[in-house]
All heavy atoms as atom14 arrays in JSON, in Angstrom:
{
  "sequence": "STEMIHRIMNDKEGDKEERLLRELEDIICSYLFIDV",
  "atom14_mask": [
    [1, 1, 1, 1, 1, 1, 0, 0, 0, 0, 0, 0, 0, 0],
    [1, 1, 1, 1, 1, 1, 1, 0, 0, 0, 0, 0, 0, 0],
    [1, 1, 1, 1, 1, 1, 1, 1, 1, 0, 0, 0, 0, 0],
    [1, 1, 1, 1, 1, 1, 1, 1, 0, 0, 0, 0, 0, 0],
    [1, 1, 1, 1, 1, 1, 1, 1, 0, 0, 0, 0, 0, 0],
    [1, 1, 1, 1, 1, 1, 1, 1, 1, 1, 0, 0, 0, 0],
    [1, 1, 1, 1, 1, 1, 1, 1, 1, 1, 1, 0, 0, 0],
    [1, 1, 1, 1, 1, 1, 1, 1, 0, 0, 0, 0, 0, 0],
    [1, 1, 1, 1, 1, 1, 1, 1, 0, 0, 0, 0, 0, 0],
    [1, 1, 1, 1, 1, 1, 1, 1, 0, 0, 0, 0, 0, 0],
    [1, 1, 1, 1, 1, 1, 1, 1, 0, 0, 0, 0, 0, 0],
    [1, 1, 1, 1, 1, 1, 1, 1, 1, 0, 0, 0, 0, 0],
    [1, 1, 1, 1, 1, 1, 1, 1, 1, 0, 0, 0, 0, 0],
    [1, 1, 1, 1, 0, 0, 0, 0, 0, 0, 0, 0, 0, 0],
    [1, 1, 1, 1, 1, 1, 1, 1, 0, 0, 0, 0, 0, 0],
    [1, 1, 1, 1, 1, 1, 1, 1, 1, 0, 0, 0, 0, 0],
    [1, 1, 1, 1, 1, 1, 1, 1, 1, 0, 0, 0, 0, 0],
    [1, 1, 1, 1, 1, 1, 1, 1, 1, 0, 0, 0, 0, 0],
    [1, 1, 1, 1, 1, 1, 1, 1, 1, 1, 1, 0, 0, 0],
    [1, 1, 1, 1, 1, 1, 1, 1, 0, 0, 0, 0, 0, 0],
    [1, 1, 1, 1, 1, 1, 1, 1, 0, 0, 0, 0, 0, 0],
    [1, 1, 1, 1, 1, 1, 1, 1, 1, 1, 1, 0, 0, 0],
    [1, 1, 1, 1, 1, 1, 1, 1, 1, 0, 0, 0, 0, 0],
    [1, 1, 1, 1, 1, 1, 1, 1, 0, 0, 0, 0, 0, 0],
    [1, 1, 1, 1, 1, 1, 1, 1, 1, 0, 0, 0, 0, 0],
    [1, 1, 1, 1, 1, 1, 1, 1, 0, 0, 0, 0, 0, 0],
    [1, 1, 1, 1, 1, 1, 1, 1, 0, 0, 0, 0, 0, 0],
    [1, 1, 1, 1, 1, 1, 1, 1, 0, 0, 0, 0, 0, 0],
    [1, 1, 1, 1, 1, 1, 0, 0, 0, 0, 0, 0, 0, 0],
    [1, 1, 1, 1, 1, 1, 0, 0, 0, 0, 0, 0, 0, 0],
    [1, 1, 1, 1, 1, 1, 1, 1, 1, 1, 1, 1, 0, 0],
    [1, 1, 1, 1, 1, 1, 1, 1, 0, 0, 0, 0, 0, 0],
    [1, 1, 1, 1, 1, 1, 1, 1, 1, 1, 1, 0, 0, 0],
    [1, 1, 1, 1, 1, 1, 1, 1, 0, 0, 0, 0, 0, 0],
    [1, 1, 1, 1, 1, 1, 1, 1, 0, 0, 0, 0, 0, 0],
    [1, 1, 1, 1, 1, 1, 1, 0, 0, 0, 0, 0, 0, 0]
  ],
  "atom14_positions": [
    [[45.19, 78.99, 141.67], [44.08, 79.4, 142.52], [43.25, 80.49, 141.84], [42.01, 80.43, 141.81], [44.6, 79.93, 143.86], [45.28, 78.92, 144.56], [0.0, 0.0, 0.0], [0.0, 0.0, 0.0], [0.0, 0.0, 0.0], [0.0, 0.0, 0.0], [0.0, 0.0, 0.0], [0.0, 0.0, 0.0], [0.0, 0.0, 0.0], [0.0, 0.0, 0.0]],
    [[43.94, 81.48, 141.27], [43.23, 82.59, 140.62], [42.4, 82.12, 139.44], [41.22, 82.48, 139.31], [44.24, 83.65, 140.14], [45.01, 84.1, 141.26], [43.52, 84.85, 139.54], [0.0, 0.0, 0.0], [0.0, 0.0, 0.0], [0.0, 0.0, 0.0], [0.0, 0.0, 0.0], [0.0, 0.0, 0.0], [0.0, 0.0, 0.0], [0.0, 0.0, 0.0]],
    [[43.0, 81.31, 138.58], [42.3, 80.85, 137.38], [41.11, 79.96, 137.74], [40.01, 80.11, 137.18], [43.27, 80.1, 136.47], [42.64, 79.55, 135.2], [42.06, 80.62, 134.28], [42.53, 81.78, 134.34], [41.13, 80.29, 133.51], [0.0, 0.0, 0.0], [0.0, 0.0, 0.0], [0.0, 0.0, 0.0], [0.0, 0.0, 0.0], [0.0, 0.0, 0.0]],
    [[41.31, 79.04, 138.66], [40.23, 78.11, 139.01], [39.1, 78.83, 139.73], [37.92, 78.54, 139.5], [40.78, 76.97, 139.87], [41.67, 76.0, 139.11], [40.86, 75.32, 137.63], [39.42, 74.52, 138.35], [0.0, 0.0, 0.0], [0.0, 0.0, 0.0], [0.0, 0.0, 0.0], [0.0, 0.0, 0.0], [0.0, 0.0, 0.0], [0.0, 0.0, 0.0]],
    [[39.43, 79.77, 140.61], [38.38, 80.52, 141.31], [37.57, 81.35, 140.32], [36.34, 81.44, 140.43], [39.0, 81.39, 142.42], [39.45, 80.5, 143.58], [37.99, 82.44, 142.92], [40.31, 81.18, 144.59], [0.0, 0.0, 0.0], [0.0, 0.0, 0.0], [0.0, 0.0, 0.0], [0.0, 0.0, 0.0], [0.0, 0.0, 0.0], [0.0, 0.0, 0.0]],
    [[38.25, 81.94, 139.34], [37.55, 82.7, 138.31], [36.53, 81.81, 137.59], [35.38, 82.21, 137.37], [38.56, 83.28, 137.32], [37.95, 84.07, 136.22], [37.27, 85.25, 136.43], [37.88, 83.85, 134.87], [36.82, 85.73, 135.28], [37.18, 84.89, 134.32], [0.0, 0.0, 0.0], [0.0, 0.0, 0.0], [0.0, 0.0, 0.0], [0.0, 0.0, 0.0]],
    [[36.94, 80.61, 137.26], [36.04, 79.68, 136.56], [34.91, 79.2, 137.47], [33.75, 79.12, 137.07], [36.83, 78.49, 136.02], [37.73, 78.83, 134.85], [38.53, 77.64, 134.38], [39.33, 77.96, 133.22], [38.91, 77.86, 131.97], [37.67, 77.45, 131.72], [39.69, 78.16, 130.96], [0.0, 0.0, 0.0], [0.0, 0.0, 0.0], [0.0, 0.0, 0.0]],
    [[35.25, 78.88, 138.72], [34.24, 78.4, 139.66], [33.19, 79.46, 139.92], [31.98, 79.19, 139.92], [34.91, 77.96, 140.99], [35.74, 76.7, 140.79], [33.85, 77.73, 142.08], [36.64, 76.36, 141.96], [0.0, 0.0, 0.0], [0.0, 0.0, 0.0], [0.0, 0.0, 0.0], [0.0, 0.0, 0.0], [0.0, 0.0, 0.0], [0.0, 0.0, 0.0]],
    [[33.64, 80.72, 140.11], [32.7, 81.79, 140.43], [31.84, 82.18, 139.24], [30.75, 82.74, 139.4], [33.47, 83.02, 140.94], [34.25, 82.77, 142.21], [33.22, 82.19, 143.58], [32.25, 83.67, 143.9], [0.0, 0.0, 0.0], [0.0, 0.0, 0.0], [0.0, 0.0, 0.0], [0.0, 0.0, 0.0], [0.0, 0.0, 0.0], [0.0, 0.0, 0.0]],
    [[32.3, 81.9, 138.03], [31.51, 82.21, 136.84], [30.61, 81.05, 136.43], [29.8, 81.18, 135.51], [32.43, 82.57, 135.66], [33.03, 83.95, 135.84], [32.47, 84.81, 136.5], [34.19, 84.17, 135.25], [0.0, 0.0, 0.0], [0.0, 0.0, 0.0], [0.0, 0.0, 0.0], [0.0, 0.0, 0.0], [0.0, 0.0, 0.0], [0.0, 0.0, 0.0]],
    [[30.75, 79.93, 137.11], [29.88, 78.78, 136.84], [28.51, 79.05, 137.45], [28.4, 79.36, 138.63], [30.49, 77.52, 137.46], [29.8, 76.24, 137.0], [28.58, 76.29, 136.74], [30.46, 75.21, 136.91], [0.0, 0.0, 0.0], [0.0, 0.0, 0.0], [0.0, 0.0, 0.0], [0.0, 0.0, 0.0], [0.0, 0.0, 0.0], [0.0, 0.0, 0.0]],
    [[27.46, 78.94, 136.65], [26.11, 79.26, 137.11], [25.52, 78.19, 138.02], [24.52, 78.41, 138.68], [25.18, 79.49, 135.91], [25.66, 80.58, 134.96], [25.86, 81.91, 135.68], [26.35, 82.99, 134.73], [26.65, 84.26, 135.44], [0.0, 0.0, 0.0], [0.0, 0.0, 0.0], [0.0, 0.0, 0.0], [0.0, 0.0, 0.0], [0.0, 0.0, 0.0]],
    [[26.13, 77.02, 138.05], [25.64, 75.96, 138.92], [26.24, 76.13, 140.3], [27.24, 75.54, 140.66], [26.0, 74.59, 138.34], [25.37, 74.32, 136.98], [25.73, 72.94, 136.47], [25.73, 71.99, 137.28], [26.02, 72.81, 135.27], [0.0, 0.0, 0.0], [0.0, 0.0, 0.0], [0.0, 0.0, 0.0], [0.0, 0.0, 0.0], [0.0, 0.0, 0.0]],
    [[25.63, 77.01, 141.08], [26.17, 77.42, 142.37], [26.33, 76.31, 143.38], [27.13, 76.42, 144.32], [0.0, 0.0, 0.0], [0.0, 0.0, 0.0], [0.0, 0.0, 0.0], [0.0, 0.0, 0.0], [0.0, 0.0, 0.0], [0.0, 0.0, 0.0], [0.0, 0.0, 0.0], [0.0, 0.0, 0.0], [0.0, 0.0, 0.0], [0.0, 0.0, 0.0]],
    [[25.58, 75.21, 143.24], [25.67, 74.14, 144.21], [27.03, 73.43, 144.17], [27.4, 72.71, 145.09], [24.55, 73.12, 143.99], [24.6, 72.5, 142.6], [24.86, 73.23, 141.64], [24.36, 71.28, 142.49], [0.0, 0.0, 0.0], [0.0, 0.0, 0.0], [0.0, 0.0, 0.0], [0.0, 0.0, 0.0], [0.0, 0.0, 0.0], [0.0, 0.0, 0.0]],
    [[27.8, 73.64, 143.09], [29.11, 73.0, 142.96], [30.23, 73.83, 143.58], [31.33, 73.34, 143.75], [29.45, 72.77, 141.48], [28.53, 71.81, 140.76], [29.12, 71.36, 139.43], [29.4, 72.51, 138.5], [29.86, 72.07, 137.18], [0.0, 0.0, 0.0], [0.0, 0.0, 0.0], [0.0, 0.0, 0.0], [0.0, 0.0, 0.0], [0.0, 0.0, 0.0]],
    [[29.95, 75.08, 143.91], [31.0, 76.02, 144.32], [31.82, 75.52, 145.49], [33.05, 75.43, 145.4], [30.38, 77.38, 144.66], [31.38, 78.42, 145.11], [30.71, 79.71, 145.51], [29.94, 80.26, 144.69], [30.96, 80.18, 146.63], [0.0, 0.0, 0.0], [0.0, 0.0, 0.0], [0.0, 0.0, 0.0], [0.0, 0.0, 0.0], [0.0, 0.0, 0.0]],
    [[31.17, 75.18, 146.6], [31.9, 74.79, 147.8], [32.68, 73.5, 147.57], [33.81, 73.35, 148.02], [30.92, 74.64, 148.96], [31.6, 74.43, 150.31], [32.51, 75.59, 150.71], [32.22, 76.74, 150.35], [33.54, 75.31, 151.37], [0.0, 0.0, 0.0], [0.0, 0.0, 0.0], [0.0, 0.0, 0.0], [0.0, 0.0, 0.0], [0.0, 0.0, 0.0]],
    [[32.06, 72.55, 146.87], [32.73, 71.28, 146.6], [33.98, 71.48, 145.76], [35.03, 70.88, 146.02], [31.76, 70.34, 145.88], [32.36, 69.02, 145.45], [31.27, 68.04, 145.08], [30.35, 68.57, 144.08], [30.57, 68.54, 142.76], [31.69, 68.01, 142.3], [29.68, 69.01, 141.92], [0.0, 0.0, 0.0], [0.0, 0.0, 0.0], [0.0, 0.0, 0.0]],
    [[33.9, 72.35, 144.75], [35.04, 72.61, 143.89], [36.15, 73.37, 144.62], [37.33, 73.13, 144.4], [34.6, 73.39, 142.65], [33.73, 72.61, 141.66], [33.2, 73.53, 140.56], [34.52, 71.46, 141.05], [0.0, 0.0, 0.0], [0.0, 0.0, 0.0], [0.0, 0.0, 0.0], [0.0, 0.0, 0.0], [0.0, 0.0, 0.0], [0.0, 0.0, 0.0]],
    [[35.76, 74.28, 145.5], [36.77, 75.02, 146.28], [37.54, 74.07, 147.2], [38.75, 74.17, 147.34], [36.1, 76.13, 147.09], [35.59, 77.34, 146.3], [34.81, 78.27, 147.2], [36.75, 78.09, 145.63], [0.0, 0.0, 0.0], [0.0, 0.0, 0.0], [0.0, 0.0, 0.0], [0.0, 0.0, 0.0], [0.0, 0.0, 0.0], [0.0, 0.0, 0.0]],
    [[36.82, 73.14, 147.83], [37.5, 72.15, 148.7], [38.42, 71.25, 147.89], [39.52, 70.91, 148.34], [36.46, 71.32, 149.46], [35.75, 72.05, 150.58], [35.08, 71.08, 151.54], [34.13, 70.23, 150.85], [32.83, 70.51, 150.72], [32.36, 71.65, 151.22], [32.02, 69.68, 150.09], [0.0, 0.0, 0.0], [0.0, 0.0, 0.0], [0.0, 0.0, 0.0]],
    [[37.98, 70.88, 146.71], [38.81, 70.04, 145.85], [40.07, 70.78, 145.42], [41.16, 70.2, 145.37], [38.01, 69.61, 144.62], [38.65, 68.51, 143.79], [38.7, 67.18, 144.51], [37.94, 66.99, 145.47], [39.52, 66.33, 144.11], [0.0, 0.0, 0.0], [0.0, 0.0, 0.0], [0.0, 0.0, 0.0], [0.0, 0.0, 0.0], [0.0, 0.0, 0.0]],
    [[39.91, 72.07, 145.14], [41.07, 72.9, 144.77], [42.07, 72.96, 145.92], [43.29, 72.84, 145.7], [40.59, 74.31, 144.39], [41.68, 75.34, 144.05], [42.52, 74.87, 142.87], [41.04, 76.7, 143.76], [0.0, 0.0, 0.0], [0.0, 0.0, 0.0], [0.0, 0.0, 0.0], [0.0, 0.0, 0.0], [0.0, 0.0, 0.0], [0.0, 0.0, 0.0]],
    [[41.58, 73.11, 147.13], [42.46, 73.12, 148.31], [43.24, 71.8, 148.4], [44.46, 71.81, 148.64], [41.62, 73.3, 149.59], [41.02, 74.67, 149.77], [40.12, 74.73, 151.0], [40.24, 73.83, 151.86], [39.3, 75.65, 151.09], [0.0, 0.0, 0.0], [0.0, 0.0, 0.0], [0.0, 0.0, 0.0], [0.0, 0.0, 0.0], [0.0, 0.0, 0.0]],
    [[42.54, 70.68, 148.22], [43.19, 69.37, 148.33], [44.26, 69.18, 147.25], [45.35, 68.65, 147.52], [42.15, 68.26, 148.22], [41.24, 68.18, 149.43], [41.61, 68.75, 150.48], [40.17, 67.56, 149.32], [0.0, 0.0, 0.0], [0.0, 0.0, 0.0], [0.0, 0.0, 0.0], [0.0, 0.0, 0.0], [0.0, 0.0, 0.0], [0.0, 0.0, 0.0]],
    [[43.96, 69.61, 146.04], [44.91, 69.46, 144.93], [46.19, 70.26, 145.19], [47.31, 69.76, 145.02], [44.27, 69.9, 143.6], [43.19, 68.89, 143.18], [45.32, 70.06, 142.5], [42.33, 69.37, 142.03], [0.0, 0.0, 0.0], [0.0, 0.0, 0.0], [0.0, 0.0, 0.0], [0.0, 0.0, 0.0], [0.0, 0.0, 0.0], [0.0, 0.0, 0.0]],
    [[46.02, 71.5, 145.64], [47.17, 72.36, 145.88], [47.99, 71.84, 147.06], [49.23, 71.83, 147.02], [46.73, 73.81, 146.12], [46.19, 74.4, 144.81], [47.89, 74.67, 146.64], [45.61, 75.78, 144.93], [0.0, 0.0, 0.0], [0.0, 0.0, 0.0], [0.0, 0.0, 0.0], [0.0, 0.0, 0.0], [0.0, 0.0, 0.0], [0.0, 0.0, 0.0]],
    [[47.32, 71.4, 148.12], [48.05, 70.86, 149.27], [48.82, 69.6, 148.9], [49.94, 69.39, 149.36], [47.07, 70.58, 150.42], [46.49, 72.07, 151.26], [0.0, 0.0, 0.0], [0.0, 0.0, 0.0], [0.0, 0.0, 0.0], [0.0, 0.0, 0.0], [0.0, 0.0, 0.0], [0.0, 0.0, 0.0], [0.0, 0.0, 0.0], [0.0, 0.0, 0.0]],
    [[48.23, 68.77, 148.04], [48.92, 67.55, 147.6], [50.16, 67.9, 146.78], [51.18, 67.21, 146.85], [47.98, 66.69, 146.75], [46.91, 66.21, 147.53], [0.0, 0.0, 0.0], [0.0, 0.0, 0.0], [0.0, 0.0, 0.0], [0.0, 0.0, 0.0], [0.0, 0.0, 0.0], [0.0, 0.0, 0.0], [0.0, 0.0, 0.0], [0.0, 0.0, 0.0]],
    [[50.06, 68.96, 145.99], [51.21, 69.41, 145.18], [52.3, 70.0, 146.07], [53.5, 69.71, 145.89], [50.75, 70.44, 144.15], [51.84, 71.3, 143.61], [52.8, 70.8, 142.72], [51.96, 72.65, 143.98], [53.83, 71.58, 142.24], [52.98, 73.45, 143.49], [53.91, 72.92, 142.62], [54.93, 73.71, 142.15], [0.0, 0.0, 0.0], [0.0, 0.0, 0.0]],
    [[51.91, 70.8, 147.04], [52.89, 71.56, 147.83], [53.55, 70.75, 148.94], [54.78, 70.82, 149.1], [52.19, 72.76, 148.48], [52.05, 74.06, 147.7], [51.33, 75.1, 148.55], [53.41, 74.59, 147.25], [0.0, 0.0, 0.0], [0.0, 0.0, 0.0], [0.0, 0.0, 0.0], [0.0, 0.0, 0.0], [0.0, 0.0, 0.0], [0.0, 0.0, 0.0]],
    [[52.77, 70.01, 149.7], [53.26, 69.49, 150.97], [53.57, 67.99, 150.94], [52.95, 67.23, 150.21], [52.23, 69.79, 152.09], [51.94, 71.24, 152.26], [50.68, 71.75, 152.0], [52.95, 72.12, 152.66], [50.41, 73.1, 152.17], [52.69, 73.47, 152.83], [51.41, 73.97, 152.57], [0.0, 0.0, 0.0], [0.0, 0.0, 0.0], [0.0, 0.0, 0.0]],
    [[54.52, 67.61, 151.79], [54.87, 66.19, 151.94], [53.7, 65.46, 152.58], [52.89, 66.05, 153.3], [56.13, 66.02, 152.8], [55.92, 66.65, 154.2], [57.36, 66.61, 152.12], [57.06, 66.44, 155.15], [0.0, 0.0, 0.0], [0.0, 0.0, 0.0], [0.0, 0.0, 0.0], [0.0, 0.0, 0.0], [0.0, 0.0, 0.0], [0.0, 0.0, 0.0]],
    [[53.61, 64.18, 152.33], [52.56, 63.35, 152.9], [53.04, 62.79, 154.24], [53.98, 62.0, 154.3], [52.22, 62.21, 151.95], [51.04, 61.37, 152.42], [50.46, 61.73, 153.48], [50.7, 60.39, 151.75], [0.0, 0.0, 0.0], [0.0, 0.0, 0.0], [0.0, 0.0, 0.0], [0.0, 0.0, 0.0], [0.0, 0.0, 0.0], [0.0, 0.0, 0.0]],
    [[52.39, 63.22, 155.31], [52.8, 62.77, 156.66], [51.77, 61.83, 157.25], [51.8, 61.54, 158.44], [53.04, 63.97, 157.6], [54.2, 64.79, 157.11], [51.77, 64.81, 157.7], [0.0, 0.0, 0.0], [0.0, 0.0, 0.0], [0.0, 0.0, 0.0], [0.0, 0.0, 0.0], [0.0, 0.0, 0.0], [0.0, 0.0, 0.0], [0.0, 0.0, 0.0]]
  ]
}
């Protein structure tokens, strides 16, 4: 989370920020939690 947020926030293409943050959430949840 820390590394990806650092990269996302330093990306000058601000229109990608929210989309990338949501994608990061999905990736981490897929790694952590069982599929119900």
